[in-house]
Structure formats: C-alpha cells, structure tokens
Amino acid sequence: MGFPPLSALLLELTIRTDKLGLIFRDAPEINEELFVGRRSELQEMQKILKPNELDSKQRKLVLGGMGGIGKTQLAIAYAKCHWQSYDSVFWLNATTESLLQNSIRSITSLFDALGDLSGYGDTLLLTFFHKWLSQSNNTRWLLILDNYDDPQSYALRKFLPLCSHGSIIVTTRQTMDVAEGFACAPIHLRPLVSLEEALKVLATRSGRQILESGNAHYAHYVCGR
C-alpha cells in the first residue's frame, strides 16, 4: 500500500492542530529536589521566552556554558515551571544531526491527524514538523534544542522553523553565535557564587534536612511560586 501524497497530508495537518503538552520522551531525568539556585536565570528566561498575546514575535534564547554547569537542567526546570504558558513543549537531542532527526521523528509520531508516518524519510518529517509549528493557530509552543555542542558537524539553521512565532531554547558549550545567524538573547551560565545558593546545593546533595523537601518547596524556590 502506498503512502498518501504530501499535499494531502499537509492539508490534513492544516485542518487540525493538536495541543500536545509537555513532551520529554528522551530527555534526561532531572531530580527536581536536587535543583536549587539559578532563580535569577529562570526569571530572565521567563522575560525572554514567555509568550505575549500582544507581541507574536519568535522568542529565542541560547544557554551557554561549560559542560556540567547545568544548562540542560536549567532548560528543563524552566519548561516544568512554565509549561502552562505553552500548548506544547518539546525536548530535542541536538548532540548530532541524526539524534536530532530521531527526536523529530519521535515528535511527529504524536500527530494523530497524520496517522502512521514511520515510512516517511527525514526530509518529509521535518517538513511536517515545520508546517505544524508554523500554523497561525499554533503559536504557543516551546522547543528545547539541547547539547548543540559541535556546530562544525551540522547546521542547526535548517531545523529551525521560519515562522515568526513560538519560543526556542538552544543549549551549547560553544559561543553564543553557534546557530549561524540565529539572532537571540544569550545567557551564559557560570558557577554559583552566592554563599546561600552554594550552601543550599551542599545541603540538598548531602541529604541534610536544612531545606524543605518535596515539590511544593521546589516550585516555591525554583519557580518563585
């Protein structure tokens, strides 16, 4: 049995847009109780990335910093704190081009309107994904493109939708211009220098009961709620 023509699939995609919520299928597990600090960075991320009904421009941010500084953890923490501001939130593994394509294949498998896409190639799946992201009734989405650390191996630009809405986070160990003209607001993470935050990290990692535990404390301390 042959596959439906591309034009028919794109028409079906235009008719229906699914709100998929928080999709972190392959993202690393982050223990929320071990995440402390970075409140100022989270607040700055919110200013840059949060959708604004009066301003539909695409919101882009690069999180830079050395390996192990907490870029992935911070991006996921932001998404979990503010997921209600978005209709769909996706984590994509941008370590290599093939891993990023696999992430896109995994996401497009959730588009119920298109049925089974397993037989289609990467180029078509990327077309579907960009078409879905670009629809005028689908503006409240967030993409996390994680670990784009080797910009010499492939160009990230072709994986970014050309639409003028949505929010995008890129995490990288490289300099802020890694995305080849990807105009964005940069945040460069540095080691925690606050004594209070350092003590909280030490107390939390050691299991001492200096901090309150549980999701309620996490939401209050990290998200400011």
N, C-alpha and C. Protein backbone atom coordinates (compact mmCIF):
# COMPACT_ATOMS: atom_id res chain seq x y z
N MET A 1 0.85 -1.19 0.00
CA MET A 1 0.00 0.00 0.00
C MET A 1 0.89 1.25 0.00
N GLY A 2 0.58 2.20 -0.89
CA GLY A 2 1.38 3.42 -0.96
C GLY A 2 0.99 4.40 0.12
N PHE A 3 1.81 5.41 0.28
CA PHE A 3 1.56 6.44 1.27
C PHE A 3 0.77 7.58 0.64
N PRO A 4 -0.06 8.28 1.41
CA PRO A 4 -0.80 9.43 0.87
C PRO A 4 0.17 10.48 0.35
N PRO A 5 -0.23 11.23 -0.67
CA PRO A 5 0.66 12.28 -1.20
C PRO A 5 0.92 13.36 -0.16
N LEU A 6 2.06 14.02 -0.28
CA LEU A 6 2.45 15.06 0.67
C LEU A 6 1.39 16.15 0.76
N SER A 7 0.81 16.56 -0.36
CA SER A 7 -0.17 17.64 -0.35
C SER A 7 -1.37 17.30 0.52
N ALA A 8 -1.84 16.02 0.46
CA ALA A 8 -2.98 15.61 1.26
C ALA A 8 -2.65 15.62 2.74
N LEU A 9 -1.44 15.19 3.09
CA LEU A 9 -1.03 15.18 4.49
C LEU A 9 -0.92 16.60 5.05
N LEU A 10 -0.35 17.50 4.25
CA LEU A 10 -0.20 18.87 4.72
C LEU A 10 -1.56 19.55 4.87
N LEU A 11 -2.51 19.23 4.01
CA LEU A 11 -3.85 19.77 4.14
C LEU A 11 -4.49 19.28 5.43
N GLU A 12 -4.36 18.00 5.72
CA GLU A 12 -4.90 17.45 6.95
C GLU A 12 -4.25 18.09 8.16
N LEU A 13 -2.97 18.35 8.06
CA LEU A 13 -2.23 18.98 9.16
C LEU A 13 -2.73 20.40 9.38
N THR A 14 -3.09 21.10 8.32
CA THR A 14 -3.59 22.46 8.42
C THR A 14 -4.95 22.49 9.09
N ILE A 15 -5.75 21.47 8.85
CA ILE A 15 -7.10 21.42 9.39
C ILE A 15 -7.08 21.22 10.90
N ARG A 16 -6.16 20.45 11.40
CA ARG A 16 -6.17 20.09 12.81
C ARG A 16 -4.80 20.30 13.44
N THR A 17 -4.79 20.97 14.58
CA THR A 17 -3.55 21.17 15.33
C THR A 17 -3.75 20.62 16.73
N ASP A 18 -2.96 19.62 17.10
CA ASP A 18 -3.06 19.03 18.43
C ASP A 18 -2.24 19.82 19.43
N LYS A 19 -2.78 19.96 20.64
CA LYS A 19 -2.03 20.54 21.75
C LYS A 19 -1.46 19.36 22.54
N LEU A 20 -0.16 19.23 22.53
CA LEU A 20 0.48 18.00 22.99
C LEU A 20 1.02 18.09 24.41
N GLY A 21 1.08 19.27 25.00
CA GLY A 21 1.56 19.38 26.37
C GLY A 21 3.07 19.23 26.47
N LEU A 22 3.54 18.70 27.60
CA LEU A 22 4.97 18.57 27.89
C LEU A 22 5.47 17.23 27.37
N ILE A 23 6.30 17.23 26.33
CA ILE A 23 6.81 16.00 25.71
C ILE A 23 8.32 15.92 25.92
N PHE A 24 8.72 15.10 26.90
CA PHE A 24 10.14 14.92 27.21
C PHE A 24 10.50 13.45 27.12
N ARG A 25 10.17 12.80 26.02
CA ARG A 25 10.34 11.35 25.89
C ARG A 25 11.75 10.88 26.15
N ASP A 26 12.74 11.55 25.56
CA ASP A 26 14.12 11.10 25.66
C ASP A 26 14.99 12.02 26.50
N ALA A 27 14.37 12.97 27.16
CA ALA A 27 15.15 13.92 27.96
C ALA A 27 15.71 13.23 29.20
N PRO A 28 16.87 13.69 29.69
CA PRO A 28 17.42 13.09 30.91
C PRO A 28 16.52 13.35 32.10
N GLU A 29 16.50 12.40 33.01
CA GLU A 29 15.71 12.55 34.24
C GLU A 29 16.40 13.56 35.15
N ILE A 30 15.66 14.57 35.57
CA ILE A 30 16.19 15.57 36.48
C ILE A 30 15.45 15.47 37.81
N ASN A 31 16.18 15.18 38.87
CA ASN A 31 15.59 15.13 40.20
C ASN A 31 15.30 16.55 40.66
N GLU A 32 14.02 16.91 40.68
CA GLU A 32 13.64 18.28 40.99
C GLU A 32 14.11 18.72 42.37
N GLU A 33 14.18 17.78 43.32
CA GLU A 33 14.57 18.14 44.67
C GLU A 33 16.05 18.51 44.76
N LEU A 34 16.84 18.13 43.74
CA LEU A 34 18.26 18.45 43.75
C LEU A 34 18.56 19.74 42.98
N PHE A 35 17.51 20.34 42.40
CA PHE A 35 17.72 21.57 41.65
C PHE A 35 17.47 22.76 42.56
N VAL A 36 18.53 23.47 42.89
CA VAL A 36 18.40 24.69 43.69
C VAL A 36 19.24 25.77 43.03
N GLY A 37 18.94 27.02 43.33
CA GLY A 37 19.66 28.13 42.74
C GLY A 37 19.13 28.47 41.36
N ARG A 38 19.85 29.37 40.68
CA ARG A 38 19.54 29.80 39.32
C ARG A 38 18.22 30.55 39.23
N ARG A 39 17.75 31.11 40.35
CA ARG A 39 16.47 31.82 40.30
C ARG A 39 16.56 33.02 39.37
N SER A 40 17.66 33.77 39.42
CA SER A 40 17.77 34.96 38.57
C SER A 40 17.79 34.57 37.10
N GLU A 41 18.46 33.46 36.76
CA GLU A 41 18.48 32.99 35.37
C GLU A 41 17.08 32.57 34.91
N LEU A 42 16.35 31.89 35.78
CA LEU A 42 14.98 31.47 35.43
C LEU A 42 14.08 32.69 35.20
N GLN A 43 14.25 33.70 36.00
CA GLN A 43 13.45 34.91 35.82
C GLN A 43 13.79 35.60 34.51
N GLU A 44 15.09 35.62 34.16
CA GLU A 44 15.50 36.21 32.91
C GLU A 44 14.97 35.40 31.72
N MET A 45 14.99 34.08 31.83
CA MET A 45 14.45 33.22 30.78
C MET A 45 12.97 33.49 30.57
N GLN A 46 12.24 33.67 31.66
CA GLN A 46 10.81 33.95 31.55
C GLN A 46 10.56 35.25 30.79
N LYS A 47 11.36 36.28 31.08
CA LYS A 47 11.20 37.56 30.39
C LYS A 47 11.42 37.40 28.89
N ILE A 48 12.39 36.58 28.53
CA ILE A 48 12.74 36.43 27.12
C ILE A 48 11.78 35.51 26.37
N LEU A 49 11.33 34.44 27.02
CA LEU A 49 10.67 33.34 26.31
C LEU A 49 9.15 33.29 26.45
N LYS A 50 8.60 33.87 27.50
CA LYS A 50 7.18 33.68 27.76
C LYS A 50 6.33 34.32 26.66
N PRO A 51 5.35 33.60 26.12
CA PRO A 51 4.50 34.16 25.05
C PRO A 51 3.77 35.41 25.51
N ASN A 52 3.57 36.32 24.57
CA ASN A 52 2.87 37.57 24.83
C ASN A 52 1.81 37.74 23.76
N GLU A 53 0.56 37.80 24.18
CA GLU A 53 -0.54 37.90 23.22
C GLU A 53 -0.44 39.16 22.37
N LEU A 54 0.22 40.20 22.88
CA LEU A 54 0.31 41.47 22.17
C LEU A 54 1.55 41.54 21.28
N ASP A 55 2.41 40.55 21.39
CA ASP A 55 3.66 40.55 20.62
C ASP A 55 3.94 39.12 20.17
N SER A 56 3.71 38.85 18.90
CA SER A 56 3.77 37.48 18.39
C SER A 56 5.13 37.10 17.81
N LYS A 57 6.18 37.89 18.10
CA LYS A 57 7.49 37.57 17.54
C LYS A 57 8.02 36.25 18.09
N GLN A 58 8.90 35.62 17.34
CA GLN A 58 9.52 34.38 17.82
C GLN A 58 10.55 34.74 18.90
N ARG A 59 10.53 33.99 20.00
CA ARG A 59 11.38 34.28 21.15
C ARG A 59 12.47 33.21 21.23
N LYS A 60 13.72 33.64 21.19
CA LYS A 60 14.84 32.70 21.10
C LYS A 60 15.89 33.00 22.15
N LEU A 61 16.45 31.94 22.70
CA LEU A 61 17.44 32.07 23.76
C LEU A 61 18.51 31.01 23.60
N VAL A 62 19.77 31.39 23.77
CA VAL A 62 20.87 30.43 23.82
C VAL A 62 21.39 30.39 25.26
N LEU A 63 21.40 29.18 25.84
CA LEU A 63 22.02 28.95 27.14
C LEU A 63 23.42 28.40 26.89
N GLY A 64 24.45 29.17 27.23
CA GLY A 64 25.81 28.73 27.02
C GLY A 64 26.53 28.49 28.33
N GLY A 65 27.62 27.73 28.26
CA GLY A 65 28.41 27.47 29.46
C GLY A 65 29.16 26.16 29.34
N MET A 66 30.13 25.96 30.22
CA MET A 66 30.94 24.76 30.19
C MET A 66 30.10 23.51 30.47
N GLY A 67 30.65 22.36 30.10
CA GLY A 67 29.97 21.10 30.35
C GLY A 67 29.76 20.87 31.83
N GLY A 68 28.57 20.40 32.20
CA GLY A 68 28.28 20.09 33.59
C GLY A 68 27.85 21.27 34.42
N ILE A 69 27.70 22.45 33.80
CA ILE A 69 27.34 23.65 34.55
C ILE A 69 25.85 23.68 34.88
N GLY A 70 25.04 22.89 34.14
CA GLY A 70 23.62 22.81 34.45
C GLY A 70 22.69 23.39 33.39
N LYS A 71 23.14 23.45 32.13
CA LYS A 71 22.33 24.04 31.06
C LYS A 71 21.07 23.21 30.80
N THR A 72 21.24 21.90 30.65
CA THR A 72 20.08 21.03 30.42
C THR A 72 19.13 21.08 31.59
N GLN A 73 19.66 21.01 32.79
CA GLN A 73 18.86 21.05 34.00
C GLN A 73 18.05 22.34 34.08
N LEU A 74 18.69 23.45 33.74
CA LEU A 74 18.01 24.74 33.80
C LEU A 74 16.91 24.84 32.75
N ALA A 75 17.19 24.36 31.53
CA ALA A 75 16.19 24.41 30.46
C ALA A 75 14.96 23.58 30.83
N ILE A 76 15.19 22.40 31.39
CA ILE A 76 14.08 21.53 31.79
C ILE A 76 13.33 22.14 32.98
N ALA A 77 14.07 22.74 33.91
CA ALA A 77 13.43 23.39 35.05
C ALA A 77 12.52 24.52 34.58
N TYR A 78 13.00 25.31 33.61
CA TYR A 78 12.16 26.39 33.08
C TYR A 78 10.88 25.82 32.47
N ALA A 79 11.03 24.78 31.66
CA ALA A 79 9.86 24.19 31.00
C ALA A 79 8.85 23.66 32.01
N LYS A 80 9.33 23.02 33.06
CA LYS A 80 8.42 22.46 34.07
C LYS A 80 7.76 23.56 34.91
N CYS A 81 8.47 24.66 35.09
CA CYS A 81 7.89 25.78 35.84
C CYS A 81 6.81 26.51 35.04
N HIS A 82 7.02 26.61 33.72
CA HIS A 82 6.17 27.49 32.91
C HIS A 82 5.42 26.75 31.81
N TRP A 83 5.27 25.44 31.93
CA TRP A 83 4.63 24.68 30.85
C TRP A 83 3.20 25.11 30.60
N GLN A 84 2.53 25.67 31.61
CA GLN A 84 1.15 26.09 31.42
C GLN A 84 1.03 27.31 30.51
N SER A 85 2.15 27.98 30.25
CA SER A 85 2.14 29.11 29.32
C SER A 85 2.18 28.66 27.87
N TYR A 86 2.39 27.36 27.65
CA TYR A 86 2.54 26.82 26.30
C TYR A 86 1.53 25.70 26.05
N ASP A 87 1.18 25.52 24.79
CA ASP A 87 0.31 24.39 24.40
C ASP A 87 1.12 23.12 24.20
N SER A 88 2.37 23.26 23.76
CA SER A 88 3.23 22.11 23.51
C SER A 88 4.67 22.49 23.84
N VAL A 89 5.37 21.58 24.54
CA VAL A 89 6.77 21.79 24.89
C VAL A 89 7.53 20.54 24.50
N PHE A 90 8.61 20.70 23.71
CA PHE A 90 9.37 19.56 23.21
C PHE A 90 10.84 19.67 23.60
N TRP A 91 11.41 18.56 24.04
CA TRP A 91 12.86 18.46 24.23
C TRP A 91 13.41 17.66 23.06
N LEU A 92 14.46 18.21 22.39
CA LEU A 92 15.09 17.53 21.27
C LEU A 92 16.58 17.40 21.53
N ASN A 93 17.12 16.24 21.21
CA ASN A 93 18.54 15.98 21.39
C ASN A 93 19.31 16.48 20.18
N ALA A 94 20.02 17.59 20.35
CA ALA A 94 20.74 18.21 19.23
C ALA A 94 22.22 17.88 19.23
N THR A 95 22.63 16.84 19.96
CA THR A 95 24.04 16.47 20.04
C THR A 95 24.63 16.18 18.66
N THR A 96 23.87 15.44 17.84
CA THR A 96 24.27 15.17 16.46
C THR A 96 23.06 15.35 15.56
N GLU A 97 23.31 15.46 14.27
CA GLU A 97 22.20 15.63 13.33
C GLU A 97 21.27 14.42 13.35
N SER A 98 21.82 13.22 13.41
CA SER A 98 20.98 12.02 13.40
C SER A 98 20.12 11.93 14.66
N LEU A 99 20.68 12.30 15.80
CA LEU A 99 19.89 12.28 17.04
C LEU A 99 18.79 13.33 17.01
N LEU A 100 19.06 14.47 16.41
CA LEU A 100 18.03 15.49 16.29
C LEU A 100 16.92 15.03 15.35
N GLN A 101 17.29 14.37 14.27
CA GLN A 101 16.28 13.83 13.36
C GLN A 101 15.43 12.77 14.05
N ASN A 102 16.07 11.95 14.89
CA ASN A 102 15.32 10.94 15.65
C ASN A 102 14.33 11.60 16.60
N SER A 103 14.73 12.70 17.22
CA SER A 103 13.82 13.41 18.12
C SER A 103 12.61 13.95 17.35
N ILE A 104 12.85 14.48 16.16
CA ILE A 104 11.75 14.99 15.34
C ILE A 104 10.84 13.86 14.90
N ARG A 105 11.41 12.72 14.54
CA ARG A 105 10.59 11.55 14.17
C ARG A 105 9.71 11.13 15.34
N SER A 106 10.27 11.14 16.53
CA SER A 106 9.50 10.76 17.72
C SER A 106 8.34 11.72 17.96
N ILE A 107 8.58 13.02 17.75
CA ILE A 107 7.54 14.02 17.98
C ILE A 107 6.44 13.91 16.93
N THR A 108 6.82 13.79 15.65
CA THR A 108 5.79 13.73 14.61
C THR A 108 4.93 12.48 14.70
N SER A 109 5.43 11.45 15.38
CA SER A 109 4.61 10.24 15.58
C SER A 109 3.40 10.54 16.46
N LEU A 110 3.42 11.69 17.15
CA LEU A 110 2.32 12.06 18.03
C LEU A 110 1.23 12.85 17.31
N PHE A 111 1.46 13.21 16.06
CA PHE A 111 0.48 14.00 15.31
C PHE A 111 -0.63 13.06 14.83
N ASP A 112 -1.64 12.92 15.62
CA ASP A 112 -2.72 11.97 15.32
C ASP A 112 -3.37 12.24 13.97
N ALA A 113 -3.42 13.51 13.58
CA ALA A 113 -4.09 13.86 12.33
C ALA A 113 -3.40 13.25 11.12
N LEU A 114 -2.11 12.91 11.25
CA LEU A 114 -1.36 12.41 10.10
C LEU A 114 -1.28 10.89 10.04
N GLY A 115 -1.70 10.21 11.09
CA GLY A 115 -1.62 8.77 11.09
C GLY A 115 -0.18 8.27 11.21
N ASP A 116 0.10 7.12 10.64
CA ASP A 116 1.41 6.48 10.74
C ASP A 116 2.40 7.12 9.77
N LEU A 117 3.44 7.75 10.33
CA LEU A 117 4.46 8.40 9.50
C LEU A 117 5.76 7.61 9.45
N SER A 118 5.77 6.39 9.98
CA SER A 118 7.02 5.64 10.12
C SER A 118 7.70 5.36 8.79
N GLY A 119 6.96 5.35 7.71
CA GLY A 119 7.54 5.03 6.41
C GLY A 119 8.11 6.22 5.66
N TYR A 120 7.98 7.41 6.23
CA TYR A 120 8.45 8.60 5.54
C TYR A 120 9.89 8.93 5.94
N GLY A 121 10.61 9.59 5.04
CA GLY A 121 12.00 9.95 5.28
C GLY A 121 12.15 11.18 6.16
N ASP A 122 13.38 11.44 6.55
CA ASP A 122 13.65 12.53 7.47
C ASP A 122 13.27 13.89 6.89
N THR A 123 13.49 14.10 5.59
CA THR A 123 13.19 15.39 4.98
C THR A 123 11.70 15.70 5.04
N LEU A 124 10.88 14.70 4.75
CA LEU A 124 9.43 14.91 4.81
C LEU A 124 8.96 15.12 6.24
N LEU A 125 9.52 14.37 7.17
CA LEU A 125 9.12 14.54 8.57
C LEU A 125 9.47 15.94 9.07
N LEU A 126 10.62 16.45 8.66
CA LEU A 126 10.99 17.81 9.04
C LEU A 126 10.02 18.82 8.43
N THR A 127 9.59 18.56 7.19
CA THR A 127 8.60 19.41 6.55
C THR A 127 7.30 19.42 7.33
N PHE A 128 6.84 18.22 7.75
CA PHE A 128 5.62 18.12 8.56
C PHE A 128 5.77 18.91 9.86
N PHE A 129 6.92 18.73 10.49
CA PHE A 129 7.15 19.37 11.78
C PHE A 129 7.13 20.89 11.64
N HIS A 130 7.82 21.40 10.64
CA HIS A 130 7.85 22.84 10.42
C HIS A 130 6.46 23.37 10.05
N LYS A 131 5.73 22.61 9.26
CA LYS A 131 4.37 23.02 8.89
C LYS A 131 3.49 23.10 10.14
N TRP A 132 3.61 22.13 11.01
CA TRP A 132 2.82 22.11 12.25
C TRP A 132 3.17 23.30 13.13
N LEU A 133 4.48 23.57 13.26
CA LEU A 133 4.91 24.69 14.11
C LEU A 133 4.52 26.04 13.52
N SER A 134 4.35 26.12 12.20
CA SER A 134 4.16 27.40 11.53
C SER A 134 2.70 27.82 11.42
N GLN A 135 1.78 26.98 11.79
CA GLN A 135 0.37 27.32 11.64
C GLN A 135 -0.02 28.50 12.52
N SER A 136 -0.87 29.35 11.98
CA SER A 136 -1.25 30.58 12.68
C SER A 136 -2.05 30.31 13.95
N ASN A 137 -2.67 29.15 14.05
CA ASN A 137 -3.42 28.80 15.26
C ASN A 137 -2.60 27.95 16.23
N ASN A 138 -1.30 27.91 16.00
CA ASN A 138 -0.41 27.10 16.84
C ASN A 138 0.84 27.92 17.16
N THR A 139 0.69 28.92 18.02
CA THR A 139 1.78 29.85 18.28
C THR A 139 2.43 29.66 19.64
N ARG A 140 1.79 28.88 20.53
CA ARG A 140 2.28 28.78 21.91
C ARG A 140 3.01 27.46 22.11
N TRP A 141 4.17 27.34 21.45
CA TRP A 141 5.00 26.15 21.62
C TRP A 141 6.40 26.55 22.05
N LEU A 142 7.10 25.59 22.68
CA LEU A 142 8.48 25.79 23.12
C LEU A 142 9.32 24.61 22.67
N LEU A 143 10.42 24.89 21.97
CA LEU A 143 11.39 23.86 21.59
C LEU A 143 12.65 24.03 22.44
N ILE A 144 13.14 22.91 23.00
CA ILE A 144 14.44 22.90 23.67
C ILE A 144 15.37 22.06 22.81
N LEU A 145 16.33 22.70 22.15
CA LEU A 145 17.33 22.00 21.33
C LEU A 145 18.58 21.88 22.19
N ASP A 146 18.78 20.69 22.75
CA ASP A 146 19.74 20.51 23.82
C ASP A 146 21.07 19.95 23.31
N ASN A 147 22.16 20.49 23.84
CA ASN A 147 23.52 19.98 23.60
C ASN A 147 23.99 20.16 22.16
N TYR A 148 23.76 21.33 21.60
CA TYR A 148 24.31 21.64 20.28
C TYR A 148 25.75 22.13 20.49
N ASP A 149 26.63 21.18 20.73
CA ASP A 149 27.99 21.48 21.14
C ASP A 149 29.02 21.40 20.01
N ASP A 150 28.62 20.91 18.85
CA ASP A 150 29.57 20.75 17.74
C ASP A 150 28.99 21.36 16.47
N PRO A 151 28.95 22.70 16.39
CA PRO A 151 28.34 23.35 15.22
C PRO A 151 29.07 23.08 13.92
N GLN A 152 30.29 22.54 13.98
CA GLN A 152 31.01 22.21 12.75
C GLN A 152 30.47 20.95 12.09
N SER A 153 29.75 20.13 12.85
CA SER A 153 29.29 18.85 12.32
C SER A 153 28.01 18.98 11.49
N TYR A 154 27.17 19.95 11.82
CA TYR A 154 25.96 20.17 11.02
C TYR A 154 25.39 21.55 11.35
N ALA A 155 24.58 22.06 10.42
CA ALA A 155 23.98 23.39 10.58
C ALA A 155 22.63 23.26 11.28
N LEU A 156 22.49 23.96 12.36
CA LEU A 156 21.23 23.92 13.10
C LEU A 156 20.13 24.67 12.37
N ARG A 157 20.51 25.61 11.53
CA ARG A 157 19.53 26.51 10.92
C ARG A 157 18.41 25.77 10.20
N LYS A 158 18.74 24.70 9.50
CA LYS A 158 17.70 24.02 8.70
C LYS A 158 16.65 23.34 9.57
N PHE A 159 16.95 23.15 10.83
CA PHE A 159 15.98 22.52 11.73
C PHE A 159 15.09 23.54 12.44
N LEU A 160 15.34 24.82 12.23
CA LEU A 160 14.57 25.85 12.90
C LEU A 160 13.44 26.32 12.00
N PRO A 161 12.22 26.40 12.51
CA PRO A 161 11.09 26.85 11.68
C PRO A 161 11.25 28.31 11.29
N LEU A 162 10.74 28.67 10.12
CA LEU A 162 10.88 30.03 9.62
C LEU A 162 9.75 30.95 10.07
N CYS A 163 8.81 30.44 10.82
CA CYS A 163 7.66 31.23 11.25
C CYS A 163 8.11 32.32 12.24
N SER A 164 7.25 33.28 12.45
CA SER A 164 7.57 34.42 13.32
C SER A 164 6.92 34.29 14.70
N HIS A 165 6.69 33.07 15.15
CA HIS A 165 6.12 32.87 16.48
C HIS A 165 6.77 31.67 17.14
N GLY A 166 6.41 31.41 18.39
CA GLY A 166 6.97 30.28 19.14
C GLY A 166 8.18 30.70 19.95
N SER A 167 8.67 29.77 20.78
CA SER A 167 9.83 30.01 21.65
C SER A 167 10.84 28.89 21.48
N ILE A 168 12.13 29.24 21.47
CA ILE A 168 13.19 28.26 21.23
C ILE A 168 14.33 28.48 22.22
N ILE A 169 14.78 27.38 22.84
CA ILE A 169 15.98 27.39 23.68
C ILE A 169 17.02 26.50 23.01
N VAL A 170 18.25 27.00 22.86
CA VAL A 170 19.37 26.18 22.40
C VAL A 170 20.39 26.14 23.53
N THR A 171 20.82 24.95 23.95
CA THR A 171 21.89 24.85 24.95
C THR A 171 23.17 24.41 24.24
N THR A 172 24.29 24.99 24.65
CA THR A 172 25.55 24.70 23.97
C THR A 172 26.73 25.03 24.87
N ARG A 173 27.84 24.33 24.63
CA ARG A 173 29.11 24.65 25.29
C ARG A 173 29.88 25.71 24.51
N GLN A 174 29.42 26.00 23.31
CA GLN A 174 30.16 26.90 22.43
C GLN A 174 29.74 28.35 22.65
N THR A 175 30.27 29.23 21.81
CA THR A 175 29.97 30.64 21.92
C THR A 175 28.54 30.92 21.47
N MET A 176 28.08 32.13 21.73
CA MET A 176 26.69 32.47 21.51
C MET A 176 26.28 32.52 20.04
N ASP A 177 27.24 32.52 19.09
CA ASP A 177 26.89 32.62 17.67
C ASP A 177 26.82 31.25 17.00
N VAL A 178 26.64 30.19 17.79
CA VAL A 178 26.68 28.84 17.24
C VAL A 178 25.61 28.57 16.19
N ALA A 179 24.52 29.29 16.24
CA ALA A 179 23.39 28.97 15.37
C ALA A 179 23.44 29.69 14.02
N GLU A 180 24.59 30.23 13.65
CA GLU A 180 24.78 30.81 12.32
C GLU A 180 23.72 31.84 11.98
N GLY A 181 23.77 32.97 12.62
CA GLY A 181 22.79 34.00 12.36
C GLY A 181 21.51 33.83 13.15
N PHE A 182 21.50 32.91 14.10
CA PHE A 182 20.34 32.68 14.94
C PHE A 182 20.26 33.82 15.95
N ALA A 183 19.63 34.93 15.54
CA ALA A 183 19.55 36.11 16.39
C ALA A 183 18.78 35.76 17.66
N CYS A 184 19.40 35.99 18.81
CA CYS A 184 18.79 35.52 20.04
C CYS A 184 19.34 36.28 21.22
N ALA A 185 18.70 36.08 22.36
CA ALA A 185 19.20 36.61 23.62
C ALA A 185 20.07 35.53 24.26
N PRO A 186 21.30 35.86 24.67
CA PRO A 186 22.17 34.86 25.30
C PRO A 186 22.14 34.93 26.82
N ILE A 187 22.26 33.78 27.46
CA ILE A 187 22.52 33.69 28.89
C ILE A 187 23.71 32.75 29.05
N HIS A 188 24.79 33.23 29.61
CA HIS A 188 25.97 32.41 29.82
C HIS A 188 26.03 31.98 31.28
N LEU A 189 25.91 30.68 31.52
CA LEU A 189 25.90 30.18 32.89
C LEU A 189 27.31 30.13 33.46
N ARG A 190 27.42 30.55 34.68
CA ARG A 190 28.68 30.49 35.41
C ARG A 190 28.46 29.73 36.71
N PRO A 191 29.51 29.25 37.33
CA PRO A 191 29.35 28.55 38.61
C PRO A 191 28.64 29.43 39.62
N LEU A 192 27.88 28.79 40.52
CA LEU A 192 27.17 29.53 41.56
C LEU A 192 28.19 30.23 42.45
N VAL A 193 27.95 31.50 42.70
CA VAL A 193 28.87 32.26 43.55
C VAL A 193 28.21 32.71 44.85
N SER A 194 26.88 32.65 44.90
CA SER A 194 26.18 33.05 46.10
C SER A 194 26.43 32.04 47.21
N LEU A 195 26.83 32.50 48.38
CA LEU A 195 27.05 31.62 49.52
C LEU A 195 25.77 30.89 49.89
N GLU A 196 24.65 31.60 49.86
CA GLU A 196 23.37 30.98 50.20
C GLU A 196 23.05 29.84 49.25
N GLU A 197 23.22 30.07 47.93
CA GLU A 197 22.91 29.03 46.95
C GLU A 197 23.88 27.87 47.10
N ALA A 198 25.17 28.17 47.33
CA ALA A 198 26.15 27.10 47.50
C ALA A 198 25.81 26.22 48.70
N LEU A 199 25.38 26.83 49.79
CA LEU A 199 25.00 26.07 50.98
C LEU A 199 23.76 25.22 50.71
N LYS A 200 22.83 25.76 49.94
CA LYS A 200 21.62 25.00 49.61
C LYS A 200 21.97 23.78 48.76
N VAL A 201 22.89 23.96 47.79
CA VAL A 201 23.32 22.83 46.98
C VAL A 201 23.97 21.77 47.85
N LEU A 202 24.88 22.19 48.73
CA LEU A 202 25.58 21.26 49.61
C LEU A 202 24.60 20.52 50.51
N ALA A 203 23.67 21.25 51.08
CA ALA A 203 22.71 20.63 51.99
C ALA A 203 21.81 19.64 51.26
N THR A 204 21.37 20.03 50.06
CA THR A 204 20.47 19.16 49.31
C THR A 204 21.19 17.90 48.84
N ARG A 205 22.40 18.04 48.31
CA ARG A 205 23.13 16.88 47.80
C ARG A 205 23.55 15.94 48.94
N SER A 206 23.77 16.48 50.15
CA SER A 206 24.21 15.64 51.26
C SER A 206 23.05 15.00 52.00
N GLY A 207 21.81 15.45 51.68
CA GLY A 207 20.64 14.86 52.32
C GLY A 207 20.33 15.43 53.69
N ARG A 208 21.03 16.47 54.09
CA ARG A 208 20.75 17.08 55.39
C ARG A 208 19.43 17.84 55.33
N GLN A 209 18.73 17.87 56.44
CA GLN A 209 17.41 18.48 56.47
C GLN A 209 17.51 19.99 56.74
N ILE A 210 18.31 20.67 55.94
CA ILE A 210 18.41 22.12 56.07
C ILE A 210 17.34 22.78 55.22
N LEU A 211 17.01 22.11 54.13
CA LEU A 211 15.98 22.63 53.24
C LEU A 211 14.70 21.85 53.39
N GLU A 212 13.59 22.53 53.08
CA GLU A 212 12.34 21.79 52.96
C GLU A 212 12.46 20.90 51.75
N SER A 213 11.78 19.78 51.74
CA SER A 213 11.85 18.88 50.59
C SER A 213 10.50 18.80 49.93
N GLY A 214 10.49 18.20 48.75
CA GLY A 214 9.23 17.96 48.07
C GLY A 214 8.97 18.98 46.98
N ASN A 215 7.95 18.71 46.16
CA ASN A 215 7.66 19.53 45.00
C ASN A 215 7.16 20.91 45.38
N ALA A 216 6.50 21.03 46.54
CA ALA A 216 5.99 22.32 46.93
C ALA A 216 7.14 23.30 47.16
N HIS A 217 8.19 22.81 47.83
CA HIS A 217 9.36 23.68 48.05
C HIS A 217 10.07 23.96 46.73
N TYR A 218 10.15 22.95 45.89
CA TYR A 218 10.81 23.12 44.58
C TYR A 218 10.11 24.22 43.79
N ALA A 219 8.79 24.15 43.73
CA ALA A 219 8.04 25.14 42.96
C ALA A 219 8.22 26.53 43.56
N HIS A 220 8.26 26.61 44.89
CA HIS A 220 8.39 27.91 45.53
C HIS A 220 9.78 28.48 45.32
N TYR A 221 10.82 27.64 45.52
CA TYR A 221 12.18 28.16 45.45
C TYR A 221 12.64 28.39 44.01
N VAL A 222 12.38 27.41 43.14
CA VAL A 222 12.86 27.50 41.78
C VAL A 222 11.98 28.39 40.91
N CYS A 223 10.67 28.19 40.99
CA CYS A 223 9.76 28.93 40.12
C CYS A 223 9.30 30.25 40.72
N GLY A 224 9.56 30.45 42.00
CA GLY A 224 9.15 31.67 42.63
C GLY A 224 7.67 31.70 42.99
N ARG A 225 7.08 30.50 43.10
CA ARG A 225 5.66 30.45 43.47
C ARG A 225 5.51 30.07 44.93
